[in-house]
PDB file of N, CA and C in Angstrom:
ATOM      1  N   MET A   1     -68.920 -14.546  67.879  1.00  0.00           N
ATOM      2  CA  MET A   1     -68.981 -13.154  67.591  1.00  0.00           C
ATOM      3  C   MET A   1     -67.635 -12.652  67.053  1.00  0.00           C
ATOM      4  N   ARG A   2     -66.595 -13.269  67.463  1.00  0.00           N
ATOM      5  CA  ARG A   2     -65.270 -12.888  67.012  1.00  0.00           C
ATOM      6  C   ARG A   2     -65.138 -13.096  65.513  1.00  0.00           C
ATOM      7  N   ARG A   3     -65.762 -14.117  64.974  1.00  0.00           N
ATOM      8  CA  ARG A   3     -65.688 -14.412  63.551  1.00  0.00           C
ATOM      9  C   ARG A   3     -66.340 -13.318  62.711  1.00  0.00           C
ATOM     10  N   CYS A   4     -67.399 -12.808  63.168  1.00  0.00           N
ATOM     11  CA  CYS A   4     -68.098 -11.765  62.412  1.00  0.00           C
ATOM     12  C   CYS A   4     -67.247 -10.509  62.314  1.00  0.00           C
ATOM     13  N   GLU A   5     -66.525 -10.174  63.383  1.00  0.00           N
ATOM     14  CA  GLU A   5     -65.676  -8.987  63.351  1.00  0.00           C
ATOM     15  C   GLU A   5     -64.537  -9.152  62.361  1.00  0.00           C
ATOM     16  N   ARG A   6     -63.948 -10.311  62.302  1.00  0.00           N
ATOM     17  CA  ARG A   6     -62.869 -10.557  61.340  1.00  0.00           C
ATOM     18  C   ARG A   6     -63.387 -10.474  59.921  1.00  0.00           C
ATOM     19  N   GLY A   7     -64.521 -11.017  59.686  1.00  0.00           N
ATOM     20  CA  GLY A   7     -65.099 -10.984  58.348  1.00  0.00           C
ATOM     21  C   GLY A   7     -65.442  -9.569  57.919  1.00  0.00           C
ATOM     22  N   ALA A   8     -65.815  -8.739  58.850  1.00  0.00           N
ATOM     23  CA  ALA A   8     -66.167  -7.357  58.524  1.00  0.00           C
ATOM     24  C   ALA A   8     -64.936  -6.532  58.198  1.00  0.00           C
ATOM     25  N   ASP A   9     -63.765  -6.932  58.662  1.00  0.00           N
ATOM     26  CA  ASP A   9     -62.536  -6.178  58.427  1.00  0.00           C
ATOM     27  C   ASP A   9     -61.872  -6.513  57.099  1.00  0.00           C
ATOM     28  N   ARG A  10     -62.367  -7.466  56.392  1.00  0.00           N
ATOM     29  CA  ARG A  10     -61.747  -7.838  55.120  1.00  0.00           C
ATOM     30  C   ARG A  10     -61.842  -6.684  54.123  1.00  0.00           C
ATOM     31  N   GLY A  11     -60.747  -6.443  53.439  1.00  0.00           N
ATOM     32  CA  GLY A  11     -60.740  -5.419  52.401  1.00  0.00           C
ATOM     33  C   GLY A  11     -60.289  -4.048  52.876  1.00  0.00           C
ATOM     34  N   PHE A  12     -60.192  -3.852  54.192  1.00  0.00           N
ATOM     35  CA  PHE A  12     -59.766  -2.534  54.685  1.00  0.00           C
ATOM     36  C   PHE A  12     -58.307  -2.257  54.360  1.00  0.00           C
ATOM     37  N   VAL A  13     -57.466  -3.255  54.429  1.00  0.00           N
ATOM     38  CA  VAL A  13     -56.049  -3.067  54.114  1.00  0.00           C
ATOM     39  C   VAL A  13     -55.886  -2.680  52.648  1.00  0.00           C
ATOM     40  N   THR A  14     -56.617  -3.304  51.779  1.00  0.00           N
ATOM     41  CA  THR A  14     -56.555  -2.974  50.362  1.00  0.00           C
ATOM     42  C   THR A  14     -57.042  -1.550  50.122  1.00  0.00           C
ATOM     43  N   ALA A  15     -58.098  -1.159  50.753  1.00  0.00           N
ATOM     44  CA  ALA A  15     -58.635   0.196  50.581  1.00  0.00           C
ATOM     45  C   ALA A  15     -57.672   1.235  51.141  1.00  0.00           C
ATOM     46  N   GLU A  16     -57.096   0.952  52.293  1.00  0.00           N
ATOM     47  CA  GLU A  16     -56.134   1.887  52.876  1.00  0.00           C
ATOM     48  C   GLU A  16     -54.892   2.008  52.006  1.00  0.00           C
ATOM     49  N   ALA A  17     -54.411   0.903  51.469  1.00  0.00           N
ATOM     50  CA  ALA A  17     -53.245   0.938  50.581  1.00  0.00           C
ATOM     51  C   ALA A  17     -53.558   1.705  49.308  1.00  0.00           C
ATOM     52  N   ALA A  18     -54.754   1.569  48.801  1.00  0.00           N
ATOM     53  CA  ALA A  18     -55.141   2.289  47.583  1.00  0.00           C
ATOM     54  C   ALA A  18     -55.179   3.796  47.814  1.00  0.00           C
ATOM     55  N   VAL A  19     -55.444   4.215  49.026  1.00  0.00           N
ATOM     56  CA  VAL A  19     -55.469   5.646  49.342  1.00  0.00           C
ATOM     57  C   VAL A  19     -54.066   6.144  49.674  1.00  0.00           C
ATOM     58  N   VAL A  20     -53.293   5.386  50.417  1.00  0.00           N
ATOM     59  CA  VAL A  20     -51.986   5.823  50.893  1.00  0.00           C
ATOM     60  C   VAL A  20     -50.920   5.748  49.802  1.00  0.00           C
ATOM     61  N   LEU A  21     -50.975   4.770  48.949  1.00  0.00           N
ATOM     62  CA  LEU A  21     -49.936   4.588  47.930  1.00  0.00           C
ATOM     63  C   LEU A  21     -49.791   5.799  47.002  1.00  0.00           C
ATOM     64  N   PRO A  22     -50.859   6.367  46.455  1.00  0.00           N
ATOM     65  CA  PRO A  22     -50.685   7.569  45.629  1.00  0.00           C
ATOM     66  C   PRO A  22     -50.111   8.758  46.403  1.00  0.00           C
ATOM     67  N   VAL A  23     -50.454   8.865  47.662  1.00  0.00           N
ATOM     68  CA  VAL A  23     -49.899   9.945  48.488  1.00  0.00           C
ATOM     69  C   VAL A  23     -48.398   9.757  48.660  1.00  0.00           C
ATOM     70  N   LEU A  24     -47.972   8.533  48.896  1.00  0.00           N
ATOM     71  CA  LEU A  24     -46.543   8.259  49.027  1.00  0.00           C
ATOM     72  C   LEU A  24     -45.796   8.520  47.721  1.00  0.00           C
ATOM     73  N   VAL A  25     -46.383   8.166  46.600  1.00  0.00           N
ATOM     74  CA  VAL A  25     -45.757   8.426  45.296  1.00  0.00           C
ATOM     75  C   VAL A  25     -45.637   9.928  45.053  1.00  0.00           C
ATOM     76  N   MET A  26     -46.688  10.680  45.371  1.00  0.00           N
ATOM     77  CA  MET A  26     -46.633  12.139  45.201  1.00  0.00           C
ATOM     78  C   MET A  26     -45.587  12.755  46.123  1.00  0.00           C
ATOM     79  N   PHE A  27     -45.470  12.265  47.339  1.00  0.00           N
ATOM     80  CA  PHE A  27     -44.458  12.748  48.269  1.00  0.00           C
ATOM     81  C   PHE A  27     -43.054  12.470  47.731  1.00  0.00           C
ATOM     82  N   ALA A  28     -42.836  11.281  47.195  1.00  0.00           N
ATOM     83  CA  ALA A  28     -41.526  10.936  46.626  1.00  0.00           C
ATOM     84  C   ALA A  28     -41.206  11.815  45.419  1.00  0.00           C
ATOM     85  N   MET A  29     -42.208  12.080  44.576  1.00  0.00           N
ATOM     86  CA  MET A  29     -41.981  12.948  43.417  1.00  0.00           C
ATOM     87  C   MET A  29     -41.667  14.378  43.863  1.00  0.00           C
ATOM     88  N   ALA A  30     -42.345  14.865  44.873  1.00  0.00           N
ATOM     89  CA  ALA A  30     -42.072  16.207  45.395  1.00  0.00           C
ATOM     90  C   ALA A  30     -40.669  16.279  45.981  1.00  0.00           C
ATOM     91  N   LEU A  31     -40.249  15.231  46.646  1.00  0.00           N
ATOM     92  CA  LEU A  31     -38.898  15.194  47.208  1.00  0.00           C
ATOM     93  C   LEU A  31     -37.847  15.229  46.107  1.00  0.00           C
ATOM     94  N   VAL A  32     -38.049  14.472  45.053  1.00  0.00           N
ATOM     95  CA  VAL A  32     -37.116  14.483  43.920  1.00  0.00           C
ATOM     96  C   VAL A  32     -37.110  15.858  43.268  1.00  0.00           C
ATOM     97  N   TRP A  33     -38.278  16.481  43.127  1.00  0.00           N
ATOM     98  CA  TRP A  33     -38.374  17.815  42.537  1.00  0.00           C
ATOM     99  C   TRP A  33     -37.576  18.823  43.354  1.00  0.00           C
ATOM    100  N   VAL A  34     -37.695  18.772  44.671  1.00  0.00           N
ATOM    101  CA  VAL A  34     -36.956  19.688  45.542  1.00  0.00           C
ATOM    102  C   VAL A  34     -35.461  19.439  45.428  1.00  0.00           C
ATOM    103  N   LEU A  35     -35.057  18.186  45.370  1.00  0.00           N
ATOM    104  CA  LEU A  35     -33.631  17.871  45.234  1.00  0.00           C
ATOM    105  C   LEU A  35     -33.071  18.391  43.910  1.00  0.00           C
ATOM    106  N   LEU A  36     -33.839  18.278  42.821  1.00  0.00           N
ATOM    107  CA  LEU A  36     -33.397  18.821  41.532  1.00  0.00           C
ATOM    108  C   LEU A  36     -33.275  20.340  41.580  1.00  0.00           C
ATOM    109  N   ALA A  37     -34.199  20.993  42.245  1.00  0.00           N
ATOM    110  CA  ALA A  37     -34.141  22.447  42.365  1.00  0.00           C
ATOM    111  C   ALA A  37     -32.936  22.886  43.194  1.00  0.00           C
ATOM    112  N   VAL A  38     -32.659  22.185  44.281  1.00  0.00           N
ATOM    113  CA  VAL A  38     -31.506  22.518  45.118  1.00  0.00           C
ATOM    114  C   VAL A  38     -30.199  22.269  44.362  1.00  0.00           C
ATOM    115  N   ALA A  39     -30.134  21.189  43.614  1.00  0.00           N
ATOM    116  CA  ALA A  39     -28.928  20.902  42.826  1.00  0.00           C
ATOM    117  C   ALA A  39     -28.707  21.978  41.767  1.00  0.00           C
ATOM    118  N   ALA A  40     -29.763  22.439  41.120  1.00  0.00           N
ATOM    119  CA  ALA A  40     -29.638  23.509  40.130  1.00  0.00           C
ATOM    120  C   ALA A  40     -29.201  24.809  40.788  1.00  0.00           C
ATOM    121  N   GLN A  41     -29.705  25.085  41.991  1.00  0.00           N
ATOM    122  CA  GLN A  41     -29.300  26.286  42.716  1.00  0.00           C
ATOM    123  C   GLN A  41     -27.812  26.241  43.048  1.00  0.00           C
ATOM    124  N   ILE A  42     -27.330  25.096  43.491  1.00  0.00           N
ATOM    125  CA  ILE A  42     -25.910  24.948  43.817  1.00  0.00           C
ATOM    126  C   ILE A  42     -25.059  25.119  42.561  1.00  0.00           C
ATOM    127  N   GLN A  43     -25.506  24.569  41.431  1.00  0.00           N
ATOM    128  CA  GLN A  43     -24.775  24.753  40.179  1.00  0.00           C
ATOM    129  C   GLN A  43     -24.729  26.228  39.787  1.00  0.00           C
ATOM    130  N   CYS A  44     -25.821  26.940  39.996  1.00  0.00           N
ATOM    131  CA  CYS A  44     -25.838  28.380  39.667  1.00  0.00           C
ATOM    132  C   CYS A  44     -24.891  29.159  40.571  1.00  0.00           C
ATOM    133  N   VAL A  45     -24.826  28.806  41.840  1.00  0.00           N
ATOM    134  CA  VAL A  45     -23.894  29.463  42.762  1.00  0.00           C
ATOM    135  C   VAL A  45     -22.456  29.243  42.299  1.00  0.00           C
ATOM    136  N   ASP A  46     -22.112  27.993  41.991  1.00  0.00           N
ATOM    137  CA  ASP A  46     -20.757  27.684  41.531  1.00  0.00           C
ATOM    138  C   ASP A  46     -20.433  28.399  40.227  1.00  0.00           C
ATOM    139  N   ALA A  47     -21.398  28.423  39.297  1.00  0.00           N
ATOM    140  CA  ALA A  47     -21.162  29.061  38.007  1.00  0.00           C
ATOM    141  C   ALA A  47     -20.976  30.569  38.163  1.00  0.00           C
ATOM    142  N   ALA A  48     -21.787  31.204  38.999  1.00  0.00           N
ATOM    143  CA  ALA A  48     -21.658  32.653  39.198  1.00  0.00           C
ATOM    144  C   ALA A  48     -20.326  33.000  39.849  1.00  0.00           C
ATOM    145  N   ARG A  49     -19.914  32.227  40.826  1.00  0.00           N
ATOM    146  CA  ARG A  49     -18.622  32.482  41.477  1.00  0.00           C
ATOM    147  C   ARG A  49     -17.465  32.285  40.503  1.00  0.00           C
ATOM    148  N   THR A  50     -17.530  31.226  39.722  1.00  0.00           N
ATOM    149  CA  THR A  50     -16.468  30.966  38.744  1.00  0.00           C
ATOM    150  C   THR A  50     -16.411  32.092  37.717  1.00  0.00           C
ATOM    151  N   GLY A  51     -17.571  32.528  37.246  1.00  0.00           N
ATOM    152  CA  GLY A  51     -17.609  33.626  36.279  1.00  0.00           C
ATOM    153  C   GLY A  51     -17.114  34.924  36.865  1.00  0.00           C
ATOM    154  N   ALA A  52     -17.443  35.214  38.119  1.00  0.00           N
ATOM    155  CA  ALA A  52     -16.972  36.440  38.759  1.00  0.00           C
ATOM    156  C   ALA A  52     -15.457  36.434  38.915  1.00  0.00           C
ATOM    157  N   ARG A  53     -14.899  35.282  39.246  1.00  0.00           N
ATOM    158  CA  ARG A  53     -13.430  35.201  39.343  1.00  0.00           C
ATOM    159  C   ARG A  53     -12.777  35.425  37.984  1.00  0.00           C
ATOM    160  N   ALA A  54     -13.358  34.824  36.944  1.00  0.00           N
ATOM    161  CA  ALA A  54     -12.805  35.002  35.595  1.00  0.00           C
ATOM    162  C   ALA A  54     -12.948  36.450  35.139  1.00  0.00           C
ATOM    163  N   ALA A  55     -14.073  37.066  35.416  1.00  0.00           N
ATOM    164  CA  ALA A  55     -14.275  38.462  35.020  1.00  0.00           C
ATOM    165  C   ALA A  55     -13.375  39.392  35.829  1.00  0.00           C
ATOM    166  N   ALA A  56     -13.106  39.061  37.082  1.00  0.00           N
ATOM    167  CA  ALA A  56     -12.213  39.875  37.908  1.00  0.00           C
ATOM    168  C   ALA A  56     -10.789  39.838  37.377  1.00  0.00           C
ATOM    169  N   ARG A  57     -10.419  38.739  36.731  1.00  0.00           N
ATOM    170  CA  ARG A  57      -9.088  38.649  36.110  1.00  0.00           C
ATOM    171  C   ARG A  57      -9.039  39.391  34.782  1.00  0.00           C
ATOM    172  N   GLN A  58     -10.161  40.024  34.426  1.00  0.00           N
ATOM    173  CA  GLN A  58     -10.302  40.793  33.200  1.00  0.00           C
ATOM    174  C   GLN A  58     -10.247  39.907  31.959  1.00  0.00           C
ATOM    175  N   ASP A  59     -10.794  38.701  32.069  1.00  0.00           N
ATOM    176  CA  ASP A  59     -10.980  37.864  30.884  1.00  0.00           C
ATOM    177  C   ASP A  59     -12.052  38.513  30.020  1.00  0.00           C
ATOM    178  N   SER A  60     -12.074  38.172  28.744  1.00  0.00           N
ATOM    179  CA  SER A  60     -13.089  38.734  27.862  1.00  0.00           C
ATOM    180  C   SER A  60     -14.479  38.218  28.260  1.00  0.00           C
ATOM    181  N   VAL A  61     -15.500  38.957  27.875  1.00  0.00           N
ATOM    182  CA  VAL A  61     -16.866  38.570  28.225  1.00  0.00           C
ATOM    183  C   VAL A  61     -17.210  37.212  27.629  1.00  0.00           C
ATOM    184  N   ASP A  62     -16.767  36.963  26.388  1.00  0.00           N
ATOM    185  CA  ASP A  62     -17.034  35.659  25.765  1.00  0.00           C
ATOM    186  C   ASP A  62     -16.383  34.521  26.541  1.00  0.00           C
ATOM    187  N   ALA A  63     -15.150  34.758  27.019  1.00  0.00           N
ATOM    188  CA  ALA A  63     -14.459  33.726  27.804  1.00  0.00           C
ATOM    189  C   ALA A  63     -15.173  33.491  29.133  1.00  0.00           C
ATOM    190  N   VAL A  64     -15.661  34.555  29.757  1.00  0.00           N
ATOM    191  CA  VAL A  64     -16.380  34.418  31.029  1.00  0.00           C
ATOM    192  C   VAL A  64     -17.665  33.628  30.820  1.00  0.00           C
ATOM    193  N   VAL A  65     -18.417  33.961  29.774  1.00  0.00           N
ATOM    194  CA  VAL A  65     -19.668  33.256  29.494  1.00  0.00           C
ATOM    195  C   VAL A  65     -19.401  31.782  29.208  1.00  0.00           C
ATOM    196  N   GLU A  66     -18.329  31.498  28.496  1.00  0.00           N
ATOM    197  CA  GLU A  66     -17.986  30.103  28.185  1.00  0.00           C
ATOM    198  C   GLU A  66     -17.648  29.327  29.458  1.00  0.00           C
ATOM    199  N   VAL A  67     -16.895  29.967  30.352  1.00  0.00           N
ATOM    200  CA  VAL A  67     -16.542  29.317  31.620  1.00  0.00           C
ATOM    201  C   VAL A  67     -17.806  29.062  32.445  1.00  0.00           C
ATOM    202  N   VAL A  68     -18.697  30.052  32.489  1.00  0.00           N
ATOM    203  CA  VAL A  68     -19.925  29.913  33.279  1.00  0.00           C
ATOM    204  C   VAL A  68     -20.810  28.809  32.711  1.00  0.00           C
ATOM    205  N   ARG A  69     -20.946  28.761  31.403  1.00  0.00           N
ATOM    206  CA  ARG A  69     -21.798  27.732  30.791  1.00  0.00           C
ATOM    207  C   ARG A  69     -21.253  26.323  31.029  1.00  0.00           C
ATOM    208  N   GLY A  70     -19.953  26.193  31.231  1.00  0.00           N
ATOM    209  CA  GLY A  70     -19.375  24.890  31.537  1.00  0.00           C
ATOM    210  C   GLY A  70     -19.761  24.374  32.914  1.00  0.00           C
ATOM    211  N   VAL A  71     -20.121  25.291  33.815  1.00  0.00           N
ATOM    212  CA  VAL A  71     -20.459  24.906  35.190  1.00  0.00           C
ATOM    213  C   VAL A  71     -21.970  24.965  35.442  1.00  0.00           C
ATOM    214  N   ALA A  72     -22.653  25.881  34.771  1.00  0.00           N
ATOM    215  CA  ALA A  72     -24.080  26.136  35.020  1.00  0.00           C
ATOM    216  C   ALA A  72     -24.951  25.011  34.457  1.00  0.00           C
ATOM    217  N   PRO A  73     -26.196  24.946  34.908  1.00  0.00           N
ATOM    218  CA  PRO A  73     -27.136  23.987  34.317  1.00  0.00           C
ATOM    219  C   PRO A  73     -27.369  24.300  32.839  1.00  0.00           C
ATOM    220  N   ARG A  74     -27.829  23.305  32.113  1.00  0.00           N
ATOM    221  CA  ARG A  74     -28.072  23.460  30.674  1.00  0.00           C
ATOM    222  C   ARG A  74     -29.082  24.584  30.419  1.00  0.00           C
ATOM    223  N   ASP A  75     -28.860  25.336  29.355  1.00  0.00           N
ATOM    224  CA  ASP A  75     -29.730  26.434  28.914  1.00  0.00           C
ATOM    225  C   ASP A  75     -29.827  27.567  29.932  1.00  0.00           C
ATOM    226  N   ALA A  76     -28.787  27.776  30.715  1.00  0.00           N
ATOM    227  CA  ALA A  76     -28.779  28.875  31.684  1.00  0.00           C
ATOM    228  C   ALA A  76     -28.529  30.193  30.966  1.00  0.00           C
ATOM    229  N   LYS A  77     -29.129  31.245  31.496  1.00  0.00           N
ATOM    230  CA  LYS A  77     -28.901  32.592  30.968  1.00  0.00           C
ATOM    231  C   LYS A  77     -27.822  33.242  31.815  1.00  0.00           C
ATOM    232  N   VAL A  78     -26.819  33.799  31.141  1.00  0.00           N
ATOM    233  CA  VAL A  78     -25.671  34.390  31.827  1.00  0.00           C
ATOM    234  C   VAL A  78     -25.614  35.874  31.498  1.00  0.00           C
ATOM    235  N   THR A  79     -25.448  36.700  32.522  1.00  0.00           N
ATOM    236  CA  THR A  79     -25.304  38.136  32.344  1.00  0.00           C
ATOM    237  C   THR A  79     -24.025  38.578  33.037  1.00  0.00           C
ATOM    238  N   VAL A  80     -23.165  39.272  32.302  1.00  0.00           N
ATOM    239  CA  VAL A  80     -21.921  39.796  32.851  1.00  0.00           C
ATOM    240  C   VAL A  80     -21.968  41.305  32.727  1.00  0.00           C
ATOM    241  N   SER A  81     -21.746  42.014  33.832  1.00  0.00           N
ATOM    242  CA  SER A  81     -21.738  43.475  33.788  1.00  0.00           C
ATOM    243  C   SER A  81     -20.615  44.008  34.664  1.00  0.00           C
ATOM    244  N   ARG A  82     -20.202  45.228  34.349  1.00  0.00           N
ATOM    245  CA  ARG A  82     -19.146  45.870  35.131  1.00  0.00           C
ATOM    246  C   ARG A  82     -19.656  47.215  35.607  1.00  0.00           C
ATOM    247  N   GLU A  83     -19.481  47.462  36.892  1.00  0.00           N
ATOM    248  CA  GLU A  83     -19.893  48.712  37.506  1.00  0.00           C
ATOM    249  C   GLU A  83     -18.704  49.271  38.277  1.00  0.00           C
ATOM    250  N   GLY A  84     -17.993  50.194  37.677  1.00  0.00           N
ATOM    251  CA  GLY A  84     -16.805  50.757  38.319  1.00  0.00           C
ATOM    252  C   GLY A  84     -15.703  49.721  38.413  1.00  0.00           C
ATOM    253  N   ASP A  85     -15.266  49.449  39.637  1.00  0.00           N
ATOM    254  CA  ASP A  85     -14.198  48.459  39.827  1.00  0.00           C
ATOM    255  C   ASP A  85     -14.743  47.100  40.267  1.00  0.00           C
ATOM    256  N   GLN A  86     -16.032  46.863  40.029  1.00  0.00           N
ATOM    257  CA  GLN A  86     -16.627  45.570  40.367  1.00  0.00           C
ATOM    258  C   GLN A  86     -17.286  44.944  39.150  1.00  0.00           C
ATOM    259  N   VAL A  87     -17.209  43.630  39.091  1.00  0.00           N
ATOM    260  CA  VAL A  87     -17.902  42.879  38.043  1.00  0.00           C
ATOM    261  C   VAL A  87     -19.008  42.071  38.701  1.00  0.00           C
ATOM    262  N   ARG A  88     -20.099  41.900  37.968  1.00  0.00           N
ATOM    263  CA  ARG A  88     -21.255  41.152  38.474  1.00  0.00           C
ATOM    264  C   ARG A  88     -21.634  40.102  37.436  1.00  0.00           C
ATOM    265  N   VAL A  89     -21.758  38.870  37.884  1.00  0.00           N
ATOM    266  CA  VAL A  89     -22.164  37.769  37.008  1.00  0.00           C
ATOM    267  C   VAL A  89     -23.454  37.187  37.583  1.00  0.00           C
ATOM    268  N   ALA A  90     -24.486  37.158  36.743  1.00  0.00           N
ATOM    269  CA  ALA A  90     -25.776  36.599  37.152  1.00  0.00           C
ATOM    270  C   ALA A  90     -26.076  35.371  36.302  1.00  0.00           C
ATOM    271  N   VAL A  91     -26.557  34.331  36.938  1.00  0.00           N
ATOM    272  CA  VAL A  91     -26.904  33.084  36.257  1.00  0.00           C
ATOM    273  C   VAL A  91     -28.352  32.752  36.617  1.00  0.00           C
ATOM    274  N   VAL A  92     -29.179  32.560  35.588  1.00  0.00           N
ATOM    275  CA  VAL A  92     -30.584  32.204  35.774  1.00  0.00           C
ATOM    276  C   VAL A  92     -30.830  30.914  35.001  1.00  0.00           C
ATOM    277  N   ALA A  93     -31.411  29.922  35.663  1.00  0.00           N
ATOM    278  CA  ALA A  93     -31.643  28.627  35.009  1.00  0.00           C
ATOM    279  C   ALA A  93     -32.932  28.007  35.521  1.00  0.00           C
ATOM    280  N   ARG A  94     -33.464  27.125  34.722  1.00  0.00           N
ATOM    281  CA  ARG A  94     -34.612  26.312  35.133  1.00  0.00           C
ATOM    282  C   ARG A  94     -34.091  24.936  35.524  1.00  0.00           C
ATOM    283  N   PRO A  95     -34.534  24.425  36.657  1.00  0.00           N
ATOM    284  CA  PRO A  95     -34.086  23.090  37.052  1.00  0.00           C
ATOM    285  C   PRO A  95     -34.519  22.048  36.020  1.00  0.00           C
ATOM    286  N   PRO A  96     -33.722  21.013  35.836  1.00  0.00           N
ATOM    287  CA  PRO A  96     -34.099  19.969  34.872  1.00  0.00           C
ATOM    288  C   PRO A  96     -35.369  19.257  35.318  1.00  0.00           C
ATOM    289  N   ALA A  97     -36.119  18.795  34.359  1.00  0.00           N
ATOM    290  CA  ALA A  97     -37.370  18.059  34.568  1.00  0.00           C
ATOM    291  C   ALA A  97     -38.478  18.931  35.124  1.00  0.00           C
ATOM    292  N   LEU A  98     -38.293  20.242  35.160  1.00  0.00           N
ATOM    293  CA  LEU A  98     -39.325  21.149  35.649  1.00  0.00           C
ATOM    294  C   LEU A  98     -39.670  22.189  34.589  1.00  0.00           C
ATOM    295  N   HIS A  99     -39.488  21.858  33.333  1.00  0.00           N
ATOM    296  CA  HIS A  99     -39.680  22.845  32.272  1.00  0.00           C
ATOM    297  C   HIS A  99     -41.129  23.286  32.136  1.00  0.00           C
ATOM    298  N   GLY A 100     -42.071  22.511  32.574  1.00  0.00           N
ATOM    299  CA  GLY A 100     -43.474  22.891  32.480  1.00  0.00           C
ATOM    300  C   GLY A 100     -43.892  23.882  33.554  1.00  0.00           C
ATOM    301  N   LEU A 101     -43.089  24.012  34.614  1.00  0.00           N
ATOM    302  CA  LEU A 101     -43.438  24.901  35.709  1.00  0.00           C
ATOM    303  C   LEU A 101     -42.708  26.237  35.567  1.00  0.00           C
ATOM    304  N   PRO A 102     -43.341  27.333  35.948  1.00  0.00           N
ATOM    305  CA  PRO A 102     -42.674  28.641  35.864  1.00  0.00           C
ATOM    306  C   PRO A 102     -41.763  28.859  37.070  1.00  0.00           C
ATOM    307  N   PHE A 103     -40.716  28.094  37.159  1.00  0.00           N
ATOM    308  CA  PHE A 103     -39.821  28.119  38.308  1.00  0.00           C
ATOM    309  C   PHE A 103     -38.393  28.280  37.827  1.00  0.00           C
ATOM    310  N   GLU A 104     -37.684  29.259  38.367  1.00  0.00           N
ATOM    311  CA  GLU A 104     -36.287  29.491  38.001  1.00  0.00           C
ATOM    312  C   GLU A 104     -35.462  29.647  39.265  1.00  0.00           C
ATOM    313  N   VAL A 105     -34.201  29.311  39.133  1.00  0.00           N
ATOM    314  CA  VAL A 105     -33.244  29.601  40.196  1.00  0.00           C
ATOM    315  C   VAL A 105     -32.301  30.669  39.673  1.00  0.00           C
ATOM    316  N   ARG A 106     -31.914  31.577  40.544  1.00  0.00           N
ATOM    317  CA  ARG A 106     -31.086  32.714  40.141  1.00  0.00           C
ATOM    318  C   ARG A 106     -30.010  32.931  41.191  1.00  0.00           C
ATOM    319  N   GLU A 107     -28.826  33.234  40.702  1.00  0.00           N
ATOM    320  CA  GLU A 107     -27.726  33.519  41.619  1.00  0.00           C
ATOM    321  C   GLU A 107     -26.819  34.567  41.001  1.00  0.00           C
ATOM    322  N   GLU A 108     -26.279  35.435  41.838  1.00  0.00           N
ATOM    323  CA  GLU A 108     -25.342  36.473  41.399  1.00  0.00           C
ATOM    324  C   GLU A 108     -24.085  36.393  42.240  1.00  0.00           C
ATOM    325  N   ALA A 109     -22.972  36.807  41.614  1.00  0.00           N
ATOM    326  CA  ALA A 109     -21.712  36.915  42.332  1.00  0.00           C
ATOM    327  C   ALA A 109     -21.047  38.211  41.899  1.00  0.00           C
ATOM    328  N   VAL A 110     -20.417  38.869  42.855  1.00  0.00           N
ATOM    329  CA  VAL A 110     -19.743  40.140  42.605  1.00  0.00           C
ATOM    330  C   VAL A 110     -18.295  39.994  43.044  1.00  0.00           C
ATOM    331  N   ALA A 111     -17.389  40.558  42.245  1.00  0.00           N
ATOM    332  CA  ALA A 111     -15.967  40.518  42.587  1.00  0.00           C
ATOM    333  C   ALA A 111     -15.318  41.835  42.188  1.00  0.00           C
ATOM    334  N   SER A 112     -14.258  42.189  42.892  1.00  0.00           N
ATOM    335  CA  SER A 112     -13.497  43.390  42.549  1.00  0.00           C
ATOM    336  C   SER A 112     -12.542  43.068  41.412  1.00  0.00           C
ATOM    337  N   VAL A 113     -12.406  44.003  40.494  1.00  0.00           N
ATOM    338  CA  VAL A 113     -11.520  43.805  39.346  1.00  0.00           C
ATOM    339  C   VAL A 113     -10.071  43.836  39.823  1.00  0.00           C
ATOM    340  N   GLU A 114      -9.308  42.858  39.362  1.00  0.00           N
ATOM    341  CA  GLU A 114      -7.896  42.809  39.698  1.00  0.00           C
ATOM    342  C   GLU A 114      -7.118  43.664  38.708  1.00  0.00           C
ATOM    343  N   GLU A 115      -6.139  44.371  39.247  1.00  0.00           N
ATOM    344  CA  GLU A 115      -5.273  45.168  38.360  1.00  0.00           C
ATOM    345  C   GLU A 115      -4.240  44.233  37.741  1.00  0.00           C
ATOM    346  N   THR A 116      -3.983  44.428  36.460  1.00  0.00           N
ATOM    347  CA  THR A 116      -2.987  43.590  35.796  1.00  0.00           C
ATOM    348  C   THR A 116      -1.611  44.158  36.068  1.00  0.00           C
ATOM    349  N   VAL A 117      -0.689  43.295  36.444  1.00  0.00           N
ATOM    350  CA  VAL A 117       0.676  43.696  36.767  1.00  0.00           C
ATOM    351  C   VAL A 117       1.528  43.575  35.512  1.00  0.00           C
ATOM    352  N   GLY A 118       2.332  44.579  35.264  1.00  0.00           N
ATOM    353  CA  GLY A 118       3.236  44.518  34.118  1.00  0.00           C
ATOM    354  C   GLY A 118       2.551  44.810  32.800  1.00  0.00           C
ATOM    355  N   GLU A 119       1.410  45.427  32.834  1.00  0.00           N
ATOM    356  CA  GLU A 119       0.701  45.725  31.601  1.00  0.00           C
ATOM    357  C   GLU A 119       1.467  46.783  30.825  1.00  0.00           C
ATOM    358  N   GLY A 120       1.660  46.538  29.559  1.00  0.00           N
ATOM    359  CA  GLY A 120       2.355  47.472  28.696  1.00  0.00           C
ATOM    360  C   GLY A 120       3.858  47.267  28.674  1.00  0.00           C
ATOM    361  N   SER A 121       4.371  46.276  29.384  1.00  0.00           N
ATOM    362  CA  SER A 121       5.816  46.028  29.382  1.00  0.00           C
ATOM    363  C   SER A 121       6.227  45.197  28.220  1.00  0.00           C
TER     364      SER A 121
END
């Protein structure tokens, strides 16, 4: 009777692997997707902070955008604005390899404008 049970179990491992393997591949792809999104978010944070520091030093808007684009993910949208004595830099980007999905990461940084010392001397 033991032989019949073994014979009946043949093929179950193959069937289980055929079901589990695609699930594992999808899980791995989702993990990579999340890691790419987190990396893009961190790049946007760094780019916004760098741009806010440059804008606080009263660098030109073109110089600030150039500095931000050097740190931000590729094809990021950069917005620089000034409200009173504060500057605001916003960076919006799509994570790489996710261009087909409507997903963006966004980060803003605000800094107080520094007064220039010795201006007009």
